[in-house]
C-alpha atoms as a PDB file:
ATOM      1  CA  MET A   1    -102.336 -13.742 103.637  1.00  0.00           C
ATOM      2  CA  ALA A   2     -99.851 -15.112 101.304  1.00  0.00           C
ATOM      3  CA  VAL A   3    -100.131 -14.297  97.392  1.00  0.00           C
ATOM      4  CA  LEU A   4     -99.175 -17.465  95.644  1.00  0.00           C
ATOM      5  CA  THR A   5     -97.763 -16.990  92.191  1.00  0.00           C
ATOM      6  CA  PRO A   6     -97.616 -18.982  89.362  1.00  0.00           C
ATOM      7  CA  GLN A   7     -94.391 -20.880  88.948  1.00  0.00           C
ATOM      8  CA  ARG A   8     -93.225 -21.941  85.269  1.00  0.00           C
ATOM      9  CA  PRO A   9     -92.790 -25.650  84.930  1.00  0.00           C
ATOM     10  CA  ALA A  10     -89.570 -26.571  84.680  1.00  0.00           C
ATOM     11  CA  PRO A  11     -88.525 -27.705  81.028  1.00  0.00           C
ATOM     12  CA  SER A  12     -87.809 -31.500  80.424  1.00  0.00           C
ATOM     13  CA  PRO A  13     -84.796 -32.534  79.967  1.00  0.00           C
ATOM     14  CA  GLY A  14     -85.015 -33.313  76.524  1.00  0.00           C
ATOM     15  CA  ALA A  15     -87.004 -30.119  75.371  1.00  0.00           C
ATOM     16  CA  PRO A  16     -85.123 -27.631  73.103  1.00  0.00           C
ATOM     17  CA  GLN A  17     -83.820 -24.927  74.985  1.00  0.00           C
ATOM     18  CA  ARG A  18     -85.421 -21.349  73.775  1.00  0.00           C
ATOM     19  CA  GLY A  19     -82.353 -18.662  72.301  1.00  0.00           C
ATOM     20  CA  SER A  20     -82.512 -14.903  73.157  1.00  0.00           C
ATOM     21  CA  ARG A  21     -84.107 -13.170  69.968  1.00  0.00           C
ATOM     22  CA  ARG A  22     -82.242 -11.983  67.089  1.00  0.00           C
ATOM     23  CA  ILE A  23     -82.519  -8.816  65.473  1.00  0.00           C
ATOM     24  CA  GLY A  24     -83.094  -8.895  61.989  1.00  0.00           C
ATOM     25  CA  PHE A  25     -81.129  -7.039  59.312  1.00  0.00           C
ATOM     26  CA  SER A  26     -84.121  -4.617  58.525  1.00  0.00           C
ATOM     27  CA  GLN A  27     -84.359  -3.559  62.146  1.00  0.00           C
ATOM     28  CA  ARG A  28     -80.773  -2.873  62.300  1.00  0.00           C
ATOM     29  CA  LEU A  29     -81.059  -0.636  59.321  1.00  0.00           C
ATOM     30  CA  GLY A  30     -83.725   0.844  60.734  1.00  0.00           C
ATOM     31  CA  ARG A  31     -81.582   1.828  63.864  1.00  0.00           C
ATOM     32  CA  TRP A  32     -78.837   2.979  61.694  1.00  0.00           C
ATOM     33  CA  ASP A  33     -81.180   5.198  59.437  1.00  0.00           C
ATOM     34  CA  VAL A  34     -82.488   6.945  62.755  1.00  0.00           C
ATOM     35  CA  LYS A  35     -78.787   7.418  64.023  1.00  0.00           C
ATOM     36  CA  LEU A  36     -76.622   7.954  61.074  1.00  0.00           C
ATOM     37  CA  SER A  37     -79.441   9.970  58.439  1.00  0.00           C
ATOM     38  CA  PRO A  38     -79.313  13.482  59.954  1.00  0.00           C
ATOM     39  CA  TYR A  39     -75.339  13.145  59.797  1.00  0.00           C
ATOM     40  CA  LEU A  40     -75.504  12.152  56.024  1.00  0.00           C
ATOM     41  CA  TYR A  41     -78.177  14.970  55.480  1.00  0.00           C
ATOM     42  CA  ILE A  42     -75.140  17.816  56.357  1.00  0.00           C
ATOM     43  CA  SER A  43     -72.444  15.943  55.238  1.00  0.00           C
ATOM     44  CA  PRO A  44     -72.629  17.194  51.744  1.00  0.00           C
ATOM     45  CA  PHE A  45     -72.215  20.967  53.033  1.00  0.00           C
ATOM     46  CA  PHE A  46     -68.996  19.932  55.053  1.00  0.00           C
ATOM     47  CA  VAL A  47     -67.460  17.893  52.383  1.00  0.00           C
ATOM     48  CA  LEU A  48     -67.828  20.938  50.121  1.00  0.00           C
ATOM     49  CA  PHE A  49     -66.220  23.236  52.673  1.00  0.00           C
ATOM     50  CA  ALA A  50     -63.426  20.791  53.406  1.00  0.00           C
ATOM     51  CA  ILE A  51     -62.627  20.564  49.810  1.00  0.00           C
ATOM     52  CA  THR A  52     -63.406  24.426  48.981  1.00  0.00           C
ATOM     53  CA  GLY A  53     -62.360  25.935  52.193  1.00  0.00           C
ATOM     54  CA  LEU A  54     -60.284  24.146  54.565  1.00  0.00           C
ATOM     55  CA  PHE A  55     -57.942  22.491  52.255  1.00  0.00           C
ATOM     56  CA  PRO A  56     -57.075  25.810  50.266  1.00  0.00           C
ATOM     57  CA  LEU A  57     -56.708  27.262  53.885  1.00  0.00           C
ATOM     58  CA  ALA A  58     -54.182  24.948  54.912  1.00  0.00           C
ATOM     59  CA  TYR A  59     -52.130  24.913  51.549  1.00  0.00           C
ATOM     60  CA  THR A  60     -51.960  28.584  51.789  1.00  0.00           C
ATOM     61  CA  ALA A  61     -50.634  28.353  55.042  1.00  0.00           C
ATOM     62  CA  TYR A  62     -48.020  26.005  53.671  1.00  0.00           C
ATOM     63  CA  VAL A  63     -47.207  27.810  50.637  1.00  0.00           C
ATOM     64  CA  SER A  64     -46.630  31.051  52.875  1.00  0.00           C
ATOM     65  CA  VAL A  65     -43.620  29.694  55.026  1.00  0.00           C
ATOM     66  CA  HIS A  66     -41.750  28.524  51.618  1.00  0.00           C
ATOM     67  CA  GLU A  67     -40.085  30.434  48.913  1.00  0.00           C
ATOM     68  CA  TRP A  68     -42.937  29.605  46.223  1.00  0.00           C
ATOM     69  CA  SER A  69     -42.691  31.276  42.782  1.00  0.00           C
ATOM     70  CA  LEU A  70     -44.961  31.335  40.121  1.00  0.00           C
ATOM     71  CA  LEU A  71     -42.621  30.338  37.440  1.00  0.00           C
ATOM     72  CA  GLY A  72     -40.239  28.162  39.423  1.00  0.00           C
ATOM     73  CA  GLY A  73     -42.385  26.411  41.947  1.00  0.00           C
ATOM     74  CA  GLN A  74     -41.565  25.438  45.572  1.00  0.00           C
ATOM     75  CA  GLY A  75     -38.512  26.626  47.164  1.00  0.00           C
ATOM     76  CA  GLU A  76     -36.669  26.160  50.348  1.00  0.00           C
ATOM     77  CA  PHE A  77     -38.508  26.314  53.776  1.00  0.00           C
ATOM     78  CA  ILE A  78     -38.200  30.134  54.944  1.00  0.00           C
ATOM     79  CA  GLY A  79     -40.691  30.352  57.969  1.00  0.00           C
ATOM     80  CA  LEU A  80     -42.148  33.805  58.745  1.00  0.00           C
ATOM     81  CA  GLN A  81     -39.487  35.686  56.114  1.00  0.00           C
ATOM     82  CA  ASN A  82     -42.749  36.326  53.531  1.00  0.00           C
ATOM     83  CA  PHE A  83     -44.962  37.752  56.502  1.00  0.00           C
ATOM     84  CA  ALA A  84     -41.992  39.990  57.371  1.00  0.00           C
ATOM     85  CA  ASP A  85     -41.537  41.262  53.761  1.00  0.00           C
ATOM     86  CA  VAL A  86     -45.196  41.986  53.135  1.00  0.00           C
ATOM     87  CA  LEU A  87     -45.275  43.871  56.748  1.00  0.00           C
ATOM     88  CA  ASN A  88     -42.058  45.650  55.840  1.00  0.00           C
ATOM     89  CA  ASN A  89     -43.854  47.064  52.438  1.00  0.00           C
ATOM     90  CA  PRO A  90     -44.881  50.168  52.380  1.00  0.00           C
ATOM     91  CA  THR A  91     -47.568  49.448  49.253  1.00  0.00           C
ATOM     92  CA  PHE A  92     -49.051  46.826  51.553  1.00  0.00           C
ATOM     93  CA  TRP A  93     -49.866  49.349  53.916  1.00  0.00           C
ATOM     94  CA  LYS A  94     -51.175  51.988  51.842  1.00  0.00           C
ATOM     95  CA  SER A  95     -53.507  49.158  50.445  1.00  0.00           C
ATOM     96  CA  LEU A  96     -54.819  48.444  53.418  1.00  0.00           C
ATOM     97  CA  VAL A  97     -55.459  52.351  54.434  1.00  0.00           C
ATOM     98  CA  ASN A  98     -57.206  52.608  51.003  1.00  0.00           C
ATOM     99  CA  THR A  99     -59.255  49.553  51.711  1.00  0.00           C
ATOM    100  CA  LEU A 100     -60.362  50.837  54.814  1.00  0.00           C
ATOM    101  CA  SER A 101     -61.195  54.331  53.509  1.00  0.00           C
ATOM    102  CA  ILE A 102     -63.114  53.153  50.695  1.00  0.00           C
ATOM    103  CA  PHE A 103     -65.101  51.143  53.379  1.00  0.00           C
ATOM    104  CA  VAL A 104     -66.017  54.252  55.331  1.00  0.00           C
ATOM    105  CA  PHE A 105     -67.005  56.377  52.135  1.00  0.00           C
ATOM    106  CA  SER A 106     -69.274  53.359  51.414  1.00  0.00           C
ATOM    107  CA  SER A 107     -70.764  51.896  54.908  1.00  0.00           C
ATOM    108  CA  VAL A 108     -72.094  54.964  56.220  1.00  0.00           C
ATOM    109  CA  PRO A 109     -73.980  56.230  53.747  1.00  0.00           C
ATOM    110  CA  GLN A 110     -74.834  52.443  52.662  1.00  0.00           C
ATOM    111  CA  VAL A 111     -76.185  51.886  55.891  1.00  0.00           C
ATOM    112  CA  VAL A 112     -78.143  55.341  56.222  1.00  0.00           C
ATOM    113  CA  ILE A 113     -79.841  54.966  52.998  1.00  0.00           C
ATOM    114  CA  ALA A 114     -80.638  51.305  53.208  1.00  0.00           C
ATOM    115  CA  ILE A 115     -82.256  51.901  56.535  1.00  0.00           C
ATOM    116  CA  THR A 116     -84.367  54.664  55.221  1.00  0.00           C
ATOM    117  CA  ILE A 117     -85.250  52.932  51.949  1.00  0.00           C
ATOM    118  CA  ALA A 118     -86.616  49.890  54.192  1.00  0.00           C
ATOM    119  CA  ALA A 119     -88.529  52.157  56.250  1.00  0.00           C
ATOM    120  CA  LEU A 120     -90.241  53.290  53.348  1.00  0.00           C
ATOM    121  CA  LEU A 121     -90.970  50.052  52.024  1.00  0.00           C
ATOM    122  CA  ASP A 122     -92.244  48.934  55.460  1.00  0.00           C
ATOM    123  CA  GLN A 123     -95.240  51.361  55.093  1.00  0.00           C
ATOM    124  CA  ASN A 124     -98.585  50.151  53.319  1.00  0.00           C
ATOM    125  CA  LEU A 125     -97.773  50.630  49.357  1.00  0.00           C
ATOM    126  CA  ARG A 126     -98.925  49.629  46.792  1.00  0.00           C
ATOM    127  CA  ALA A 127     -97.501  46.834  44.885  1.00  0.00           C
ATOM    128  CA  ALA A 128     -95.471  46.558  47.684  1.00  0.00           C
ATOM    129  CA  THR A 129     -93.814  43.113  46.176  1.00  0.00           C
ATOM    130  CA  PHE A 130     -92.622  44.852  42.942  1.00  0.00           C
ATOM    131  CA  TRP A 131     -90.828  47.816  44.921  1.00  0.00           C
ATOM    132  CA  ARG A 132     -89.092  45.445  47.692  1.00  0.00           C
ATOM    133  CA  MET A 133     -87.934  43.230  44.464  1.00  0.00           C
ATOM    134  CA  GLY A 134     -87.013  46.472  42.705  1.00  0.00           C
ATOM    135  CA  VAL A 135     -84.171  47.648  44.958  1.00  0.00           C
ATOM    136  CA  LEU A 136     -82.622  44.120  44.793  1.00  0.00           C
ATOM    137  CA  ILE A 137     -82.086  44.805  40.866  1.00  0.00           C
ATOM    138  CA  PRO A 138     -78.535  46.486  41.346  1.00  0.00           C
ATOM    139  CA  TYR A 139     -77.438  43.420  43.229  1.00  0.00           C
ATOM    140  CA  VAL A 140     -77.778  40.845  40.597  1.00  0.00           C
ATOM    141  CA  VAL A 141     -76.082  43.063  38.142  1.00  0.00           C
ATOM    142  CA  ALA A 142     -72.571  41.671  37.266  1.00  0.00           C
ATOM    143  CA  PRO A 143     -69.782  43.773  39.168  1.00  0.00           C
ATOM    144  CA  VAL A 144     -67.948  44.164  35.939  1.00  0.00           C
ATOM    145  CA  ALA A 145     -70.793  45.835  34.262  1.00  0.00           C
ATOM    146  CA  VAL A 146     -71.425  48.302  37.164  1.00  0.00           C
ATOM    147  CA  SER A 147     -67.793  49.158  37.321  1.00  0.00           C
ATOM    148  CA  MET A 148     -67.550  49.968  33.537  1.00  0.00           C
ATOM    149  CA  ILE A 149     -70.780  51.918  33.657  1.00  0.00           C
ATOM    150  CA  PHE A 150     -69.285  53.837  36.793  1.00  0.00           C
ATOM    151  CA  GLY A 151     -66.014  54.346  35.163  1.00  0.00           C
ATOM    152  CA  ARG A 152     -67.677  56.068  32.197  1.00  0.00           C
ATOM    153  CA  LEU A 153     -69.440  58.148  34.643  1.00  0.00           C
ATOM    154  CA  PHE A 154     -66.307  59.499  36.623  1.00  0.00           C
ATOM    155  CA  ALA A 155     -63.974  59.762  33.639  1.00  0.00           C
ATOM    156  CA  ASP A 156     -61.854  62.549  34.130  1.00  0.00           C
ATOM    157  CA  GLN A 157     -62.116  64.092  30.928  1.00  0.00           C
ATOM    158  CA  TYR A 158     -65.271  62.938  29.209  1.00  0.00           C
ATOM    159  CA  GLY A 159     -67.376  61.548  32.093  1.00  0.00           C
ATOM    160  CA  LEU A 160     -71.005  62.495  32.924  1.00  0.00           C
ATOM    161  CA  ILE A 161     -70.323  64.079  36.398  1.00  0.00           C
ATOM    162  CA  ASN A 162     -67.710  66.245  35.243  1.00  0.00           C
ATOM    163  CA  SER A 163     -69.809  67.358  32.470  1.00  0.00           C
ATOM    164  CA  ILE A 164     -72.459  68.232  34.953  1.00  0.00           C
ATOM    165  CA  LEU A 165     -70.143  70.068  36.820  1.00  0.00           C
ATOM    166  CA  GLY A 166     -68.744  72.254  34.094  1.00  0.00           C
ATOM    167  CA  GLY A 167     -72.577  72.836  33.021  1.00  0.00           C
ATOM    168  CA  ILE A 168     -73.049  74.284  36.401  1.00  0.00           C
ATOM    169  CA  GLY A 169     -69.740  76.503  36.282  1.00  0.00           C
ATOM    170  CA  LEU A 170     -67.713  73.950  38.410  1.00  0.00           C
ATOM    171  CA  ASP A 171     -64.420  72.619  38.008  1.00  0.00           C
ATOM    172  CA  PRO A 172     -63.930  69.171  37.376  1.00  0.00           C
ATOM    173  CA  ILE A 173     -62.903  66.698  39.563  1.00  0.00           C
ATOM    174  CA  ALA A 174     -59.828  64.429  38.987  1.00  0.00           C
ATOM    175  CA  TRP A 175     -61.502  61.072  39.941  1.00  0.00           C
ATOM    176  CA  HIS A 176     -58.498  59.187  38.936  1.00  0.00           C
ATOM    177  CA  GLY A 177     -56.033  61.775  40.368  1.00  0.00           C
ATOM    178  CA  ASP A 178     -57.251  62.558  43.596  1.00  0.00           C
ATOM    179  CA  ARG A 179     -56.704  59.828  46.068  1.00  0.00           C
ATOM    180  CA  ILE A 180     -59.812  60.633  48.214  1.00  0.00           C
ATOM    181  CA  ALA A 181     -62.035  61.407  44.999  1.00  0.00           C
ATOM    182  CA  SER A 182     -61.068  57.857  43.650  1.00  0.00           C
ATOM    183  CA  HIS A 183     -62.159  56.366  47.004  1.00  0.00           C
ATOM    184  CA  ILE A 184     -65.716  58.366  46.611  1.00  0.00           C
ATOM    185  CA  ALA A 185     -65.943  57.092  42.867  1.00  0.00           C
ATOM    186  CA  ILE A 186     -65.178  53.530  44.231  1.00  0.00           C
ATOM    187  CA  ALA A 187     -67.391  53.637  47.047  1.00  0.00           C
ATOM    188  CA  SER A 188     -70.444  54.628  45.032  1.00  0.00           C
ATOM    189  CA  MET A 189     -70.082  51.466  43.156  1.00  0.00           C
ATOM    190  CA  VAL A 190     -70.091  49.281  46.017  1.00  0.00           C
ATOM    191  CA  ASN A 191     -72.779  51.495  47.625  1.00  0.00           C
ATOM    192  CA  TYR A 192     -75.297  51.268  44.243  1.00  0.00           C
ATOM    193  CA  ARG A 193     -74.507  47.169  44.384  1.00  0.00           C
ATOM    194  CA  TRP A 194     -75.020  46.468  48.156  1.00  0.00           C
ATOM    195  CA  MET A 195     -77.707  49.303  49.319  1.00  0.00           C
ATOM    196  CA  GLY A 196     -80.931  47.085  47.938  1.00  0.00           C
ATOM    197  CA  TYR A 197     -79.277  44.219  49.277  1.00  0.00           C
ATOM    198  CA  ASN A 198     -78.962  45.734  52.787  1.00  0.00           C
ATOM    199  CA  ALA A 199     -82.253  47.442  52.630  1.00  0.00           C
ATOM    200  CA  LEU A 200     -84.158  43.895  52.206  1.00  0.00           C
ATOM    201  CA  ILE A 201     -82.243  42.465  55.680  1.00  0.00           C
ATOM    202  CA  PHE A 202     -83.232  45.926  57.360  1.00  0.00           C
ATOM    203  CA  LEU A 203     -87.113  45.408  56.179  1.00  0.00           C
ATOM    204  CA  ALA A 204     -86.885  41.791  57.202  1.00  0.00           C
ATOM    205  CA  ALA A 205     -86.165  43.018  60.601  1.00  0.00           C
ATOM    206  CA  MET A 206     -88.700  46.056  60.604  1.00  0.00           C
ATOM    207  CA  GLN A 207     -91.483  43.265  60.091  1.00  0.00           C
ATOM    208  CA  ALA A 208     -90.531  41.506  63.050  1.00  0.00           C
ATOM    209  CA  VAL A 209     -91.157  44.575  65.314  1.00  0.00           C
ATOM    210  CA  PRO A 210     -94.027  44.030  67.197  1.00  0.00           C
ATOM    211  CA  ARG A 211     -96.890  45.847  65.943  1.00  0.00           C
ATOM    212  CA  ASP A 212     -98.390  47.154  69.085  1.00  0.00           C
ATOM    213  CA  LEU A 213     -95.559  48.992  70.000  1.00  0.00           C
ATOM    214  CA  TYR A 214     -96.520  51.016  67.128  1.00  0.00           C
ATOM    215  CA  GLU A 215     -99.752  51.471  67.986  1.00  0.00           C
ATOM    216  CA  ALA A 216     -98.923  52.386  71.568  1.00  0.00           C
ATOM    217  CA  ALA A 217     -96.692  55.103  70.100  1.00  0.00           C
ATOM    218  CA  VAL A 218     -99.661  56.703  68.087  1.00  0.00           C
ATOM    219  CA  ILE A 219    -101.847  56.722  71.174  1.00  0.00           C
ATOM    220  CA  ASP A 220     -99.106  58.542  73.024  1.00  0.00           C
ATOM    221  CA  GLY A 221     -98.853  61.260  69.943  1.00  0.00           C
ATOM    222  CA  ALA A 222     -95.607  60.224  68.498  1.00  0.00           C
ATOM    223  CA  GLY A 223     -95.211  61.011  64.586  1.00  0.00           C
ATOM    224  CA  ARG A 224     -93.449  58.788  62.193  1.00  0.00           C
ATOM    225  CA  VAL A 225     -89.870  60.177  62.860  1.00  0.00           C
ATOM    226  CA  ARG A 226     -90.387  60.020  66.861  1.00  0.00           C
ATOM    227  CA  GLN A 227     -91.517  56.218  66.216  1.00  0.00           C
ATOM    228  CA  PHE A 228     -88.585  55.554  63.846  1.00  0.00           C
ATOM    229  CA  PHE A 229     -85.929  56.695  66.248  1.00  0.00           C
ATOM    230  CA  SER A 230     -87.668  55.679  69.630  1.00  0.00           C
ATOM    231  CA  ILE A 231     -88.926  52.320  68.149  1.00  0.00           C
ATOM    232  CA  THR A 232     -87.831  50.937  65.184  1.00  0.00           C
ATOM    233  CA  VAL A 233     -84.032  51.835  65.444  1.00  0.00           C
ATOM    234  CA  PRO A 234     -83.491  50.579  69.099  1.00  0.00           C
ATOM    235  CA  GLN A 235     -85.362  47.364  67.922  1.00  0.00           C
ATOM    236  CA  ILE A 236     -83.192  46.423  64.910  1.00  0.00           C
ATOM    237  CA  ARG A 237     -80.080  47.591  66.448  1.00  0.00           C
ATOM    238  CA  ALA A 238     -78.617  44.146  66.333  1.00  0.00           C
ATOM    239  CA  THR A 239     -79.184  43.951  62.618  1.00  0.00           C
ATOM    240  CA  ILE A 240     -77.136  47.283  61.956  1.00  0.00           C
ATOM    241  CA  ILE A 241     -74.379  45.853  63.912  1.00  0.00           C
ATOM    242  CA  PHE A 242     -74.606  43.076  61.671  1.00  0.00           C
ATOM    243  CA  VAL A 243     -74.928  45.027  58.753  1.00  0.00           C
ATOM    244  CA  VAL A 244     -71.871  47.369  59.543  1.00  0.00           C
ATOM    245  CA  ILE A 245     -69.524  44.233  60.012  1.00  0.00           C
ATOM    246  CA  THR A 246     -70.288  42.362  57.167  1.00  0.00           C
ATOM    247  CA  SER A 247     -69.913  45.199  55.155  1.00  0.00           C
ATOM    248  CA  THR A 248     -66.937  45.501  56.677  1.00  0.00           C
ATOM    249  CA  ILE A 249     -65.663  42.306  55.759  1.00  0.00           C
ATOM    250  CA  GLY A 250     -66.895  42.876  52.409  1.00  0.00           C
ATOM    251  CA  GLY A 251     -65.012  46.133  52.292  1.00  0.00           C
ATOM    252  CA  LEU A 252     -61.744  44.184  52.916  1.00  0.00           C
ATOM    253  CA  GLN A 253     -62.273  41.851  50.021  1.00  0.00           C
ATOM    254  CA  ILE A 254     -62.833  44.800  47.000  1.00  0.00           C
ATOM    255  CA  PHE A 255     -61.854  43.699  43.850  1.00  0.00           C
ATOM    256  CA  ASP A 256     -63.764  44.079  40.823  1.00  0.00           C
ATOM    257  CA  GLU A 257     -64.663  47.579  41.342  1.00  0.00           C
ATOM    258  CA  VAL A 258     -60.997  48.566  41.550  1.00  0.00           C
ATOM    259  CA  ARG A 259     -59.618  46.174  39.015  1.00  0.00           C
ATOM    260  CA  MET A 260     -62.141  47.624  36.419  1.00  0.00           C
ATOM    261  CA  PHE A 261     -61.938  51.544  37.673  1.00  0.00           C
ATOM    262  CA  ASP A 262     -58.982  52.046  35.034  1.00  0.00           C
ATOM    263  CA  ALA A 263     -57.040  50.517  32.265  1.00  0.00           C
ATOM    264  CA  THR A 264     -54.328  48.664  34.435  1.00  0.00           C
ATOM    265  CA  GLY A 265     -56.317  48.095  37.329  1.00  0.00           C
ATOM    266  CA  LEU A 266     -53.614  48.020  39.625  1.00  0.00           C
ATOM    267  CA  GLY A 267     -54.853  51.690  41.611  1.00  0.00           C
ATOM    268  CA  GLY A 268     -53.156  54.180  39.670  1.00  0.00           C
ATOM    269  CA  ALA A 269     -49.899  55.323  39.071  1.00  0.00           C
ATOM    270  CA  ASP A 270     -49.274  55.941  42.711  1.00  0.00           C
ATOM    271  CA  ARG A 271     -51.665  53.073  44.023  1.00  0.00           C
ATOM    272  CA  ASN A 272     -54.310  55.512  45.425  1.00  0.00           C
ATOM    273  CA  TRP A 273     -56.850  53.254  45.449  1.00  0.00           C
ATOM    274  CA  MET A 274     -55.202  49.901  45.530  1.00  0.00           C
ATOM    275  CA  THR A 275     -56.874  47.729  47.607  1.00  0.00           C
ATOM    276  CA  THR A 276     -55.401  44.795  50.090  1.00  0.00           C
ATOM    277  CA  VAL A 277     -57.017  42.179  47.266  1.00  0.00           C
ATOM    278  CA  VAL A 278     -55.853  43.832  44.371  1.00  0.00           C
ATOM    279  CA  PHE A 279     -52.204  44.001  46.122  1.00  0.00           C
ATOM    280  CA  LEU A 280     -52.454  40.252  46.903  1.00  0.00           C
ATOM    281  CA  TYR A 281     -53.240  39.915  42.937  1.00  0.00           C
ATOM    282  CA  ASP A 282     -50.663  41.972  41.696  1.00  0.00           C
ATOM    283  CA  THR A 283     -47.932  40.288  44.428  1.00  0.00           C
ATOM    284  CA  ALA A 284     -48.745  36.880  42.884  1.00  0.00           C
ATOM    285  CA  TRP A 285     -49.460  37.376  39.319  1.00  0.00           C
ATOM    286  CA  GLY A 286     -47.803  40.547  38.911  1.00  0.00           C
ATOM    287  CA  ASN A 287     -44.375  41.751  38.918  1.00  0.00           C
ATOM    288  CA  GLN A 288     -43.046  39.858  41.934  1.00  0.00           C
ATOM    289  CA  HIS A 289     -44.640  36.512  40.869  1.00  0.00           C
ATOM    290  CA  SER A 290     -44.570  35.680  44.575  1.00  0.00           C
ATOM    291  CA  LEU A 291     -47.122  32.880  45.646  1.00  0.00           C
ATOM    292  CA  GLY A 292     -45.570  32.664  48.937  1.00  0.00           C
ATOM    293  CA  LYS A 293     -45.891  36.640  49.613  1.00  0.00           C
ATOM    294  CA  ALA A 294     -49.169  36.368  48.215  1.00  0.00           C
ATOM    295  CA  SER A 295     -50.137  33.564  50.743  1.00  0.00           C
ATOM    296  CA  ALA A 296     -48.745  35.505  53.343  1.00  0.00           C
ATOM    297  CA  VAL A 297     -51.250  38.697  52.602  1.00  0.00           C
ATOM    298  CA  ALA A 298     -54.228  36.342  52.078  1.00  0.00           C
ATOM    299  CA  TRP A 299     -53.493  35.060  55.918  1.00  0.00           C
ATOM    300  CA  LEU A 300     -52.734  38.414  57.160  1.00  0.00           C
ATOM    301  CA  LEU A 301     -56.186  39.401  55.743  1.00  0.00           C
ATOM    302  CA  PHE A 302     -57.511  36.287  57.232  1.00  0.00           C
ATOM    303  CA  LEU A 303     -56.693  36.982  60.627  1.00  0.00           C
ATOM    304  CA  LEU A 304     -57.810  40.622  60.117  1.00  0.00           C
ATOM    305  CA  ILE A 305     -61.589  39.031  59.106  1.00  0.00           C
ATOM    306  CA  ILE A 306     -61.426  36.755  62.309  1.00  0.00           C
ATOM    307  CA  LEU A 307     -60.757  39.655  64.706  1.00  0.00           C
ATOM    308  CA  ILE A 308     -63.488  41.542  63.344  1.00  0.00           C
ATOM    309  CA  GLY A 309     -65.875  38.317  63.274  1.00  0.00           C
ATOM    310  CA  MET A 310     -64.989  38.134  67.075  1.00  0.00           C
ATOM    311  CA  VAL A 311     -65.861  41.944  67.537  1.00  0.00           C
ATOM    312  CA  ASN A 312     -68.964  41.322  65.912  1.00  0.00           C
ATOM    313  CA  PHE A 313     -70.027  38.111  68.069  1.00  0.00           C
ATOM    314  CA  LEU A 314     -68.737  39.870  71.323  1.00  0.00           C
ATOM    315  CA  VAL A 315     -71.154  43.251  70.262  1.00  0.00           C
ATOM    316  CA  THR A 316     -73.872  41.075  69.124  1.00  0.00           C
ATOM    317  CA  ARG A 317     -74.109  39.066  71.816  1.00  0.00           C
ATOM    318  CA  ARG A 318     -73.602  42.121  74.122  1.00  0.00           C
ATOM    319  CA  ILE A 319     -76.628  43.722  72.472  1.00  0.00           C
ATOM    320  CA  SER A 320     -78.941  40.474  72.352  1.00  0.00           C
ATOM    321  CA  SER A 321     -78.714  40.135  75.716  1.00  0.00           C
ATOM    322  CA  THR A 322     -79.617  43.932  76.831  1.00  0.00           C
ATOM    323  CA  GLY A 323     -81.721  44.608  74.123  1.00  0.00           C
ATOM    324  CA  PRO A 324     -84.791  46.652  75.068  1.00  0.00           C
ATOM    325  CA  THR A 325     -87.955  45.118  75.947  1.00  0.00           C
ATOM    326  CA  LYS A 326     -91.452  45.859  74.814  1.00  0.00           C
ATOM    327  CA  ASN A 327     -92.120  47.655  78.063  1.00  0.00           C
ATOM    328  CA  THR A 328     -88.915  49.109  78.227  1.00  0.00           C
ATOM    329  CA  THR A 329     -89.690  50.733  74.373  1.00  0.00           C
ATOM    330  CA  ARG A 330     -93.244  51.600  75.468  1.00  0.00           C
ATOM    331  CA  LYS A 331     -91.811  53.876  78.473  1.00  0.00           C
ATOM    332  CA  ASN A 332     -89.297  55.514  76.550  1.00  0.00           C
ATOM    333  CA  VAL A 333     -91.811  56.563  73.710  1.00  0.00           C
ATOM    334  CA  THR A 334     -94.182  57.866  76.464  1.00  0.00           C
ATOM    335  CA  ARG A 335     -91.168  59.617  78.225  1.00  0.00           C
ATOM    336  CA  THR A 336     -90.116  61.425  75.147  1.00  0.00           C
ATOM    337  CA  THR A 337     -93.405  62.244  73.394  1.00  0.00           C
ATOM    338  CA  GLY A 338     -94.720  63.437  76.619  1.00  0.00           C
ATOM    339  CA  GLY A 339     -98.329  61.159  76.290  1.00  0.00           C
ATOM    340  CA  ASN A 340    -100.055  59.254  79.065  1.00  0.00           C
ATOM    341  CA  ALA A 341    -100.053  55.483  78.439  1.00  0.00           C
END
């Protein structure tokens, strides 16, 4: 049986033709809002980053290949000569070794003590918010103020540390004469400022650890120390790597503590505690007045930070892909404690 479909009557020759529907301006504006508004919301960050980040970076690269002095201004194009002069300067390598040495003396105890503080703050404490905010107080203190206070503590003649050492019959330490001693003194300033900040990062990671792992460990008979090394540390090891790498990047940019450690602020007479950033400052505004060489130092430091950032990305990605799971961690706790899960 055939199905009949209704047919539209043909328009009469004199009837007006019906055109296509036109989209109003408000509807177009609504479509533009849906498509463009997300980009407009995030555009201020990229605009500010381009002004304060990309443009100085590109301009520094341009200056680094020119003979550019602070007093004479732009000179002729010399290519990579500034980079060669910096790499052939023994003071640059000494400043780089000083920077890495100060980092070692600061990052290792800083990470260990920060994890310990975070583990204590992760317990059921009274007024937990007060203690957690209290560890952040050194971070908000001005670096100049911290450097001035610690500079008095580590003074050679009248410092508090040497006074205590003399009171117990020990010889005073030449904090401004011995290279290693000066690195330890500057590292203590860095530890004081950043220890609480890193402790809060570790605390946030510890609070994200599933609590049923600790409950299983308690049932298996594991103590707090065993829980810390068998559960907490494996679960937050990606955060540990992150803090270590960011501490390294921050250690490459140490300036305030070194600048305020003595009267001249250039790392002593023998440049025993001059860091790379202080060397950059002295190259640009010190005796050389060479902005071209200072820009070359800045770019070498930038490339070093990029290299460390790439290592951070690769290590973090590998750890996140091979991190311990709940069942694996529970089996490890059971095996190490000898309990029956």
